[in-house]
Amino acid sequence: MKKDYRKALRVCSKILFGIYIICLAYFLFFAESTGRTFEGRSYHYNLELFKEIRRFIVYRHTLGTRAVVLNLFGNIVAFIPFGFFLPVLYPKCRSVLFTVFFSFECSLMVETIQLVSKVGSFDVDDMLLNTVGGFLGCLAFFWMNRIRRSYEAKEKE
């Protein structure tokens, strides 16, 4: 029974991760509501750490709440599922260091694609925020895994 439960959980996790990756790709590269169009775009990039984060905080009243929340918190929230599902699907990634590294690597890939395709902009601040999101997702995995283990231990008693 326990093996069937874990197998079903793993299959369900793979499906949810696939849906998450498709949604992430859509919002990062194709969603017009987030300014992702191909028309008349030039290369935009930021290589100075905290430059855009600082700009969004200093000019939050001018830029508006929606822009600040989408940029600062949206980049974090977007990668929380990545950091959560990675240790679920790949037991070798049950190290915080591995999950943080792969979150950074995936974020670097996304930012590079945005730069080359001129959709969005290459921003080191986005990579930092995405990596923080992956880290928080990993912490959520460990927290929920601890809860699951304590529940299973109580069930055995």
N, C-alpha and C. Protein backbone atom coordinates (compact mmCIF):
# COMPACT_ATOMS: atom_id res chain seq x y z
N MET A 1 0.82 -1.19 0.00
CA MET A 1 0.00 0.00 0.00
C MET A 1 0.87 1.26 0.00
N LYS A 2 1.92 1.27 0.82
CA LYS A 2 2.77 2.43 0.93
C LYS A 2 3.51 2.71 -0.38
N LYS A 3 3.98 1.63 -1.07
CA LYS A 3 4.67 1.81 -2.34
C LYS A 3 3.72 2.35 -3.41
N ASP A 4 2.48 1.87 -3.42
CA ASP A 4 1.49 2.36 -4.38
C ASP A 4 1.22 3.84 -4.15
N TYR A 5 1.13 4.23 -2.90
CA TYR A 5 0.89 5.63 -2.55
C TYR A 5 2.04 6.51 -3.04
N ARG A 6 3.26 6.08 -2.80
CA ARG A 6 4.43 6.86 -3.21
C ARG A 6 4.56 6.92 -4.73
N LYS A 7 4.24 5.81 -5.40
CA LYS A 7 4.31 5.79 -6.86
C LYS A 7 3.27 6.74 -7.44
N ALA A 8 2.07 6.73 -6.91
CA ALA A 8 1.01 7.63 -7.36
C ALA A 8 1.39 9.09 -7.09
N LEU A 9 2.00 9.32 -5.95
CA LEU A 9 2.44 10.67 -5.60
C LEU A 9 3.52 11.15 -6.57
N ARG A 10 4.43 10.28 -6.93
CA ARG A 10 5.50 10.64 -7.86
C ARG A 10 4.94 10.93 -9.26
N VAL A 11 3.99 10.11 -9.73
CA VAL A 11 3.37 10.33 -11.04
C VAL A 11 2.61 11.65 -11.03
N CYS A 12 1.87 11.88 -9.98
CA CYS A 12 1.11 13.13 -9.83
C CYS A 12 2.07 14.33 -9.82
N SER A 13 3.18 14.19 -9.13
CA SER A 13 4.17 15.26 -9.06
C SER A 13 4.77 15.54 -10.43
N LYS A 14 5.04 14.50 -11.21
CA LYS A 14 5.58 14.69 -12.56
C LYS A 14 4.59 15.44 -13.44
N ILE A 15 3.33 15.11 -13.34
CA ILE A 15 2.30 15.79 -14.13
C ILE A 15 2.20 17.25 -13.71
N LEU A 16 2.15 17.50 -12.41
CA LEU A 16 2.07 18.88 -11.91
C LEU A 16 3.31 19.69 -12.28
N PHE A 17 4.48 19.06 -12.23
CA PHE A 17 5.72 19.74 -12.61
C PHE A 17 5.70 20.10 -14.09
N GLY A 18 5.21 19.19 -14.93
CA GLY A 18 5.09 19.46 -16.36
C GLY A 18 4.15 20.63 -16.63
N ILE A 19 3.02 20.65 -15.95
CA ILE A 19 2.07 21.76 -16.10
C ILE A 19 2.71 23.07 -15.63
N TYR A 20 3.44 23.00 -14.52
CA TYR A 20 4.13 24.18 -14.00
C TYR A 20 5.14 24.71 -15.01
N ILE A 21 5.94 23.84 -15.62
CA ILE A 21 6.96 24.27 -16.59
C ILE A 21 6.29 24.92 -17.80
N ILE A 22 5.19 24.35 -18.27
CA ILE A 22 4.47 24.92 -19.41
C ILE A 22 3.94 26.31 -19.06
N CYS A 23 3.33 26.45 -17.89
CA CYS A 23 2.80 27.75 -17.44
C CYS A 23 3.94 28.76 -17.26
N LEU A 24 5.03 28.33 -16.67
CA LEU A 24 6.19 29.21 -16.47
C LEU A 24 6.72 29.70 -17.81
N ALA A 25 6.87 28.79 -18.76
CA ALA A 25 7.36 29.18 -20.09
C ALA A 25 6.40 30.17 -20.74
N TYR A 26 5.11 29.94 -20.60
CA TYR A 26 4.14 30.85 -21.19
C TYR A 26 4.28 32.25 -20.60
N PHE A 27 4.31 32.35 -19.27
CA PHE A 27 4.37 33.66 -18.64
C PHE A 27 5.72 34.35 -18.85
N LEU A 28 6.80 33.58 -18.98
CA LEU A 28 8.10 34.19 -19.16
C LEU A 28 8.39 34.62 -20.59
N PHE A 29 7.76 33.93 -21.56
CA PHE A 29 8.12 34.20 -22.95
C PHE A 29 6.98 34.66 -23.85
N PHE A 30 5.73 34.36 -23.51
CA PHE A 30 4.64 34.61 -24.45
C PHE A 30 3.51 35.49 -23.94
N ALA A 31 3.33 35.66 -22.66
CA ALA A 31 2.18 36.38 -22.11
C ALA A 31 2.27 37.87 -22.44
N GLU A 32 1.35 38.33 -23.24
CA GLU A 32 1.33 39.75 -23.60
C GLU A 32 0.99 40.63 -22.41
N SER A 33 0.26 40.08 -21.44
CA SER A 33 -0.11 40.86 -20.25
C SER A 33 1.11 41.25 -19.42
N THR A 34 2.21 40.53 -19.58
CA THR A 34 3.44 40.87 -18.86
C THR A 34 4.46 41.52 -19.79
N GLY A 35 3.99 42.01 -20.94
CA GLY A 35 4.86 42.75 -21.86
C GLY A 35 5.76 41.88 -22.69
N ARG A 36 5.36 40.66 -22.94
CA ARG A 36 6.19 39.73 -23.72
C ARG A 36 5.77 39.76 -25.19
N THR A 37 6.26 40.72 -25.92
CA THR A 37 5.98 40.78 -27.35
C THR A 37 7.30 40.82 -28.10
N PHE A 38 7.27 40.45 -29.36
CA PHE A 38 8.48 40.41 -30.17
C PHE A 38 8.68 41.69 -30.98
N GLU A 39 7.69 42.53 -31.03
CA GLU A 39 7.73 43.70 -31.91
C GLU A 39 8.62 44.80 -31.36
N GLY A 40 9.56 45.23 -32.20
CA GLY A 40 10.36 46.41 -31.90
C GLY A 40 11.19 46.34 -30.63
N ARG A 41 11.55 45.18 -30.17
CA ARG A 41 12.31 45.06 -28.94
C ARG A 41 13.80 45.14 -29.23
N SER A 42 14.53 45.73 -28.34
CA SER A 42 15.98 45.76 -28.44
C SER A 42 16.52 45.02 -27.21
N TYR A 43 17.82 44.83 -27.22
CA TYR A 43 18.42 44.13 -26.08
C TYR A 43 18.36 45.00 -24.84
N HIS A 44 17.88 44.42 -23.76
CA HIS A 44 17.88 45.07 -22.46
C HIS A 44 18.55 44.12 -21.48
N TYR A 45 19.45 44.66 -20.68
CA TYR A 45 20.08 43.80 -19.70
C TYR A 45 20.52 44.62 -18.50
N ASN A 46 20.63 43.94 -17.37
CA ASN A 46 21.13 44.54 -16.14
C ASN A 46 22.14 43.57 -15.55
N LEU A 47 23.38 44.02 -15.42
CA LEU A 47 24.43 43.18 -14.86
C LEU A 47 24.86 43.64 -13.46
N GLU A 48 24.19 44.67 -12.94
CA GLU A 48 24.51 45.21 -11.62
C GLU A 48 23.53 44.66 -10.59
N LEU A 49 24.06 43.88 -9.65
CA LEU A 49 23.22 43.26 -8.62
C LEU A 49 22.53 44.32 -7.77
N PHE A 50 21.25 44.15 -7.52
CA PHE A 50 20.37 45.00 -6.72
C PHE A 50 19.96 46.31 -7.42
N LYS A 51 20.40 46.54 -8.65
CA LYS A 51 20.05 47.79 -9.35
C LYS A 51 18.54 47.88 -9.58
N GLU A 52 17.94 46.85 -10.17
CA GLU A 52 16.50 46.87 -10.46
C GLU A 52 15.67 46.72 -9.19
N ILE A 53 16.14 45.92 -8.26
CA ILE A 53 15.43 45.77 -6.99
C ILE A 53 15.35 47.13 -6.29
N ARG A 54 16.48 47.83 -6.24
CA ARG A 54 16.53 49.15 -5.63
C ARG A 54 15.61 50.12 -6.37
N ARG A 55 15.64 50.08 -7.71
CA ARG A 55 14.79 50.97 -8.50
C ARG A 55 13.31 50.72 -8.22
N PHE A 56 12.92 49.45 -8.13
CA PHE A 56 11.52 49.14 -7.86
C PHE A 56 11.10 49.57 -6.46
N ILE A 57 12.01 49.52 -5.49
CA ILE A 57 11.67 49.94 -4.14
C ILE A 57 11.62 51.46 -4.05
N VAL A 58 12.61 52.15 -4.60
CA VAL A 58 12.68 53.61 -4.53
C VAL A 58 11.52 54.25 -5.28
N TYR A 59 11.20 53.75 -6.47
CA TYR A 59 10.16 54.35 -7.30
C TYR A 59 8.84 53.58 -7.25
N ARG A 60 8.58 52.91 -6.14
CA ARG A 60 7.38 52.08 -6.03
C ARG A 60 6.09 52.88 -6.22
N HIS A 61 6.07 54.13 -5.78
CA HIS A 61 4.86 54.94 -5.93
C HIS A 61 4.65 55.35 -7.38
N THR A 62 5.72 55.61 -8.09
CA THR A 62 5.64 56.00 -9.50
C THR A 62 5.32 54.80 -10.38
N LEU A 63 5.97 53.68 -10.12
CA LEU A 63 5.79 52.48 -10.95
C LEU A 63 4.45 51.80 -10.68
N GLY A 64 3.96 51.92 -9.49
CA GLY A 64 2.69 51.30 -9.13
C GLY A 64 2.89 49.97 -8.40
N THR A 65 1.92 49.65 -7.58
CA THR A 65 1.98 48.44 -6.77
C THR A 65 2.06 47.18 -7.63
N ARG A 66 1.27 47.14 -8.69
CA ARG A 66 1.23 45.95 -9.55
C ARG A 66 2.62 45.64 -10.12
N ALA A 67 3.30 46.65 -10.63
CA ALA A 67 4.63 46.46 -11.22
C ALA A 67 5.64 45.98 -10.18
N VAL A 68 5.58 46.58 -8.99
CA VAL A 68 6.52 46.20 -7.93
C VAL A 68 6.27 44.77 -7.47
N VAL A 69 5.00 44.43 -7.24
CA VAL A 69 4.67 43.07 -6.79
C VAL A 69 5.03 42.05 -7.86
N LEU A 70 4.68 42.34 -9.12
CA LEU A 70 5.01 41.40 -10.20
C LEU A 70 6.50 41.18 -10.32
N ASN A 71 7.28 42.24 -10.23
CA ASN A 71 8.71 42.08 -10.42
C ASN A 71 9.39 41.45 -9.21
N LEU A 72 9.17 42.01 -8.04
CA LEU A 72 9.90 41.52 -6.87
C LEU A 72 9.36 40.18 -6.36
N PHE A 73 8.05 40.14 -6.08
CA PHE A 73 7.49 38.93 -5.51
C PHE A 73 7.16 37.89 -6.57
N GLY A 74 6.82 38.36 -7.76
CA GLY A 74 6.50 37.43 -8.85
C GLY A 74 7.67 36.54 -9.22
N ASN A 75 8.88 37.12 -9.23
CA ASN A 75 10.07 36.33 -9.55
C ASN A 75 10.36 35.29 -8.48
N ILE A 76 10.06 35.62 -7.25
CA ILE A 76 10.26 34.66 -6.16
C ILE A 76 9.21 33.56 -6.23
N VAL A 77 7.95 33.96 -6.30
CA VAL A 77 6.84 33.00 -6.31
C VAL A 77 6.91 32.07 -7.53
N ALA A 78 7.37 32.60 -8.65
CA ALA A 78 7.44 31.79 -9.87
C ALA A 78 8.36 30.58 -9.73
N PHE A 79 9.37 30.66 -8.88
CA PHE A 79 10.32 29.55 -8.76
C PHE A 79 10.15 28.73 -7.49
N ILE A 80 9.18 29.05 -6.65
CA ILE A 80 8.92 28.22 -5.47
C ILE A 80 8.53 26.80 -5.88
N PRO A 81 7.62 26.61 -6.85
CA PRO A 81 7.31 25.23 -7.26
C PRO A 81 8.52 24.48 -7.81
N PHE A 82 9.41 25.17 -8.49
CA PHE A 82 10.62 24.53 -9.01
C PHE A 82 11.44 23.95 -7.86
N GLY A 83 11.65 24.77 -6.83
CA GLY A 83 12.42 24.31 -5.67
C GLY A 83 11.71 23.24 -4.87
N PHE A 84 10.38 23.21 -4.95
CA PHE A 84 9.61 22.19 -4.24
C PHE A 84 9.62 20.86 -4.99
N PHE A 85 9.34 20.90 -6.29
CA PHE A 85 9.21 19.66 -7.05
C PHE A 85 10.54 18.99 -7.35
N LEU A 86 11.61 19.74 -7.43
CA LEU A 86 12.92 19.15 -7.75
C LEU A 86 13.31 18.04 -6.77
N PRO A 87 13.26 18.27 -5.45
CA PRO A 87 13.60 17.17 -4.53
C PRO A 87 12.56 16.05 -4.52
N VAL A 88 11.32 16.36 -4.87
CA VAL A 88 10.29 15.31 -4.94
C VAL A 88 10.60 14.35 -6.09
N LEU A 89 10.95 14.91 -7.23
CA LEU A 89 11.15 14.10 -8.44
C LEU A 89 12.53 13.49 -8.54
N TYR A 90 13.52 14.16 -7.98
CA TYR A 90 14.91 13.69 -8.09
C TYR A 90 15.52 13.61 -6.70
N PRO A 91 15.52 12.43 -6.11
CA PRO A 91 16.05 12.29 -4.74
C PRO A 91 17.48 12.79 -4.57
N LYS A 92 18.28 12.80 -5.65
CA LYS A 92 19.65 13.32 -5.54
C LYS A 92 19.65 14.83 -5.27
N CYS A 93 18.54 15.49 -5.56
CA CYS A 93 18.43 16.93 -5.34
C CYS A 93 17.87 17.26 -3.97
N ARG A 94 17.91 16.33 -3.06
CA ARG A 94 17.39 16.59 -1.72
C ARG A 94 18.41 17.31 -0.85
N SER A 95 19.30 17.97 -1.50
CA SER A 95 20.26 18.83 -0.82
C SER A 95 19.88 20.27 -1.16
N VAL A 96 19.86 21.14 -0.17
CA VAL A 96 19.53 22.53 -0.41
C VAL A 96 20.50 23.13 -1.42
N LEU A 97 21.76 22.77 -1.30
CA LEU A 97 22.78 23.30 -2.21
C LEU A 97 22.48 22.93 -3.66
N PHE A 98 22.13 21.66 -3.92
CA PHE A 98 21.80 21.23 -5.28
C PHE A 98 20.57 21.97 -5.80
N THR A 99 19.55 22.08 -4.98
CA THR A 99 18.32 22.75 -5.41
C THR A 99 18.57 24.22 -5.71
N VAL A 100 19.33 24.88 -4.86
CA VAL A 100 19.65 26.29 -5.10
C VAL A 100 20.47 26.42 -6.38
N PHE A 101 21.43 25.53 -6.58
CA PHE A 101 22.25 25.56 -7.79
C PHE A 101 21.39 25.36 -9.05
N PHE A 102 20.51 24.37 -9.03
CA PHE A 102 19.67 24.11 -10.21
C PHE A 102 18.65 25.23 -10.43
N SER A 103 18.18 25.85 -9.37
CA SER A 103 17.28 27.00 -9.51
C SER A 103 18.02 28.15 -10.19
N PHE A 104 19.24 28.39 -9.75
CA PHE A 104 20.06 29.43 -10.37
C PHE A 104 20.33 29.10 -11.84
N GLU A 105 20.69 27.85 -12.09
CA GLU A 105 21.01 27.42 -13.45
C GLU A 105 19.80 27.57 -14.38
N CYS A 106 18.64 27.18 -13.92
CA CYS A 106 17.42 27.32 -14.71
C CYS A 106 17.10 28.79 -14.94
N SER A 107 17.26 29.61 -13.92
CA SER A 107 17.03 31.03 -14.05
C SER A 107 18.00 31.67 -15.04
N LEU A 108 19.25 31.26 -15.00
CA LEU A 108 20.24 31.77 -15.95
C LEU A 108 19.85 31.40 -17.38
N MET A 109 19.37 30.18 -17.56
CA MET A 109 18.92 29.74 -18.88
C MET A 109 17.75 30.60 -19.36
N VAL A 110 16.78 30.85 -18.49
CA VAL A 110 15.61 31.66 -18.84
C VAL A 110 16.04 33.08 -19.20
N GLU A 111 16.89 33.68 -18.40
CA GLU A 111 17.34 35.05 -18.66
C GLU A 111 18.14 35.14 -19.96
N THR A 112 18.93 34.13 -20.26
CA THR A 112 19.70 34.12 -21.50
C THR A 112 18.78 33.99 -22.71
N ILE A 113 17.78 33.14 -22.61
CA ILE A 113 16.80 33.01 -23.69
C ILE A 113 16.06 34.32 -23.88
N GLN A 114 15.71 34.99 -22.79
CA GLN A 114 15.03 36.29 -22.90
C GLN A 114 15.93 37.32 -23.59
N LEU A 115 17.20 37.29 -23.30
CA LEU A 115 18.13 38.24 -23.91
C LEU A 115 18.27 37.97 -25.41
N VAL A 116 18.49 36.72 -25.76
CA VAL A 116 18.70 36.37 -27.17
C VAL A 116 17.44 36.57 -27.99
N SER A 117 16.29 36.23 -27.42
CA SER A 117 15.03 36.34 -28.16
C SER A 117 14.41 37.73 -28.09
N LYS A 118 15.03 38.62 -27.30
CA LYS A 118 14.54 39.98 -27.10
C LYS A 118 13.14 40.01 -26.50
N VAL A 119 12.82 39.02 -25.71
CA VAL A 119 11.55 38.96 -24.99
C VAL A 119 11.91 39.06 -23.52
N GLY A 120 11.50 40.15 -22.88
CA GLY A 120 11.93 40.37 -21.51
C GLY A 120 13.32 40.97 -21.53
N SER A 121 14.03 40.82 -20.45
CA SER A 121 15.38 41.36 -20.38
C SER A 121 16.24 40.47 -19.49
N PHE A 122 17.53 40.48 -19.76
CA PHE A 122 18.47 39.74 -18.93
C PHE A 122 18.73 40.58 -17.70
N ASP A 123 18.44 40.04 -16.53
CA ASP A 123 18.54 40.80 -15.29
C ASP A 123 19.10 39.91 -14.18
N VAL A 124 20.24 40.29 -13.64
CA VAL A 124 20.83 39.48 -12.57
C VAL A 124 19.97 39.53 -11.31
N ASP A 125 19.21 40.61 -11.13
CA ASP A 125 18.31 40.67 -9.98
C ASP A 125 17.21 39.62 -10.10
N ASP A 126 16.70 39.41 -11.32
CA ASP A 126 15.70 38.35 -11.53
C ASP A 126 16.29 36.99 -11.19
N MET A 127 17.55 36.77 -11.56
CA MET A 127 18.19 35.49 -11.24
C MET A 127 18.30 35.31 -9.73
N LEU A 128 18.64 36.38 -9.03
CA LEU A 128 18.72 36.31 -7.57
C LEU A 128 17.35 35.99 -6.97
N LEU A 129 16.32 36.72 -7.41
CA LEU A 129 14.98 36.50 -6.87
C LEU A 129 14.45 35.11 -7.22
N ASN A 130 14.71 34.63 -8.43
CA ASN A 130 14.29 33.28 -8.82
C ASN A 130 14.99 32.23 -7.96
N THR A 131 16.27 32.44 -7.70
CA THR A 131 17.03 31.49 -6.88
C THR A 131 16.49 31.49 -5.44
N VAL A 132 16.13 32.65 -4.93
CA VAL A 132 15.52 32.73 -3.59
C VAL A 132 14.20 31.94 -3.59
N GLY A 133 13.43 32.07 -4.67
CA GLY A 133 12.18 31.31 -4.78
C GLY A 133 12.44 29.81 -4.77
N GLY A 134 13.45 29.36 -5.51
CA GLY A 134 13.81 27.94 -5.50
C GLY A 134 14.22 27.47 -4.11
N PHE A 135 14.96 28.31 -3.40
CA PHE A 135 15.37 28.00 -2.03
C PHE A 135 14.16 27.87 -1.11
N LEU A 136 13.22 28.81 -1.22
CA LEU A 136 12.01 28.76 -0.38
C LEU A 136 11.17 27.52 -0.71
N GLY A 137 11.11 27.16 -1.99
CA GLY A 137 10.40 25.94 -2.38
C GLY A 137 11.04 24.70 -1.78
N CYS A 138 12.36 24.69 -1.76
CA CYS A 138 13.09 23.56 -1.16
C CYS A 138 12.81 23.48 0.34
N LEU A 139 12.79 24.63 1.00
CA LEU A 139 12.46 24.65 2.43
C LEU A 139 11.04 24.14 2.66
N ALA A 140 10.12 24.52 1.78
CA ALA A 140 8.73 24.03 1.90
C ALA A 140 8.68 22.52 1.74
N PHE A 141 9.49 21.98 0.81
CA PHE A 141 9.55 20.53 0.63
C PHE A 141 10.02 19.86 1.92
N PHE A 142 11.12 20.34 2.49
CA PHE A 142 11.65 19.73 3.71
C PHE A 142 10.66 19.84 4.86
N TRP A 143 9.97 20.96 4.98
CA TRP A 143 8.98 21.15 6.03
C TRP A 143 7.82 20.17 5.86
N MET A 144 7.31 20.05 4.63
CA MET A 144 6.19 19.13 4.38
C MET A 144 6.64 17.67 4.51
N ASN A 145 7.85 17.37 4.14
CA ASN A 145 8.38 16.02 4.28
C ASN A 145 8.50 15.64 5.75
N ARG A 146 8.90 16.61 6.57
CA ARG A 146 8.98 16.36 8.02
C ARG A 146 7.59 16.08 8.59
N ILE A 147 6.60 16.85 8.16
CA ILE A 147 5.23 16.64 8.62
C ILE A 147 4.74 15.25 8.20
N ARG A 148 5.02 14.88 6.94
CA ARG A 148 4.61 13.56 6.43
C ARG A 148 5.25 12.45 7.25
N ARG A 149 6.53 12.57 7.54
CA ARG A 149 7.23 11.53 8.30
C ARG A 149 6.71 11.42 9.73
N SER A 150 6.40 12.53 10.35
CA SER A 150 5.87 12.46 11.72
C SER A 150 4.47 11.86 11.71
N TYR A 151 3.70 12.14 10.68
CA TYR A 151 2.37 11.55 10.55
C TYR A 151 2.47 10.04 10.36
N GLU A 152 3.40 9.60 9.50
CA GLU A 152 3.59 8.16 9.28
C GLU A 152 4.09 7.47 10.53
N ALA A 153 4.95 8.15 11.30
CA ALA A 153 5.46 7.56 12.55
C ALA A 153 4.34 7.40 13.57
N LYS A 154 3.45 8.38 13.64
CA LYS A 154 2.29 8.28 14.55
C LYS A 154 1.34 7.17 14.12
N GLU A 155 1.21 6.98 12.83
CA GLU A 155 0.33 5.93 12.30
C GLU A 155 0.85 4.55 12.65
N LYS A 156 2.17 4.37 12.69
CA LYS A 156 2.78 3.08 13.02
C LYS A 156 2.55 2.71 14.46
N GLU A 157 2.47 3.70 15.32
CA GLU A 157 2.32 3.43 16.77
C GLU A 157 1.00 2.90 17.13
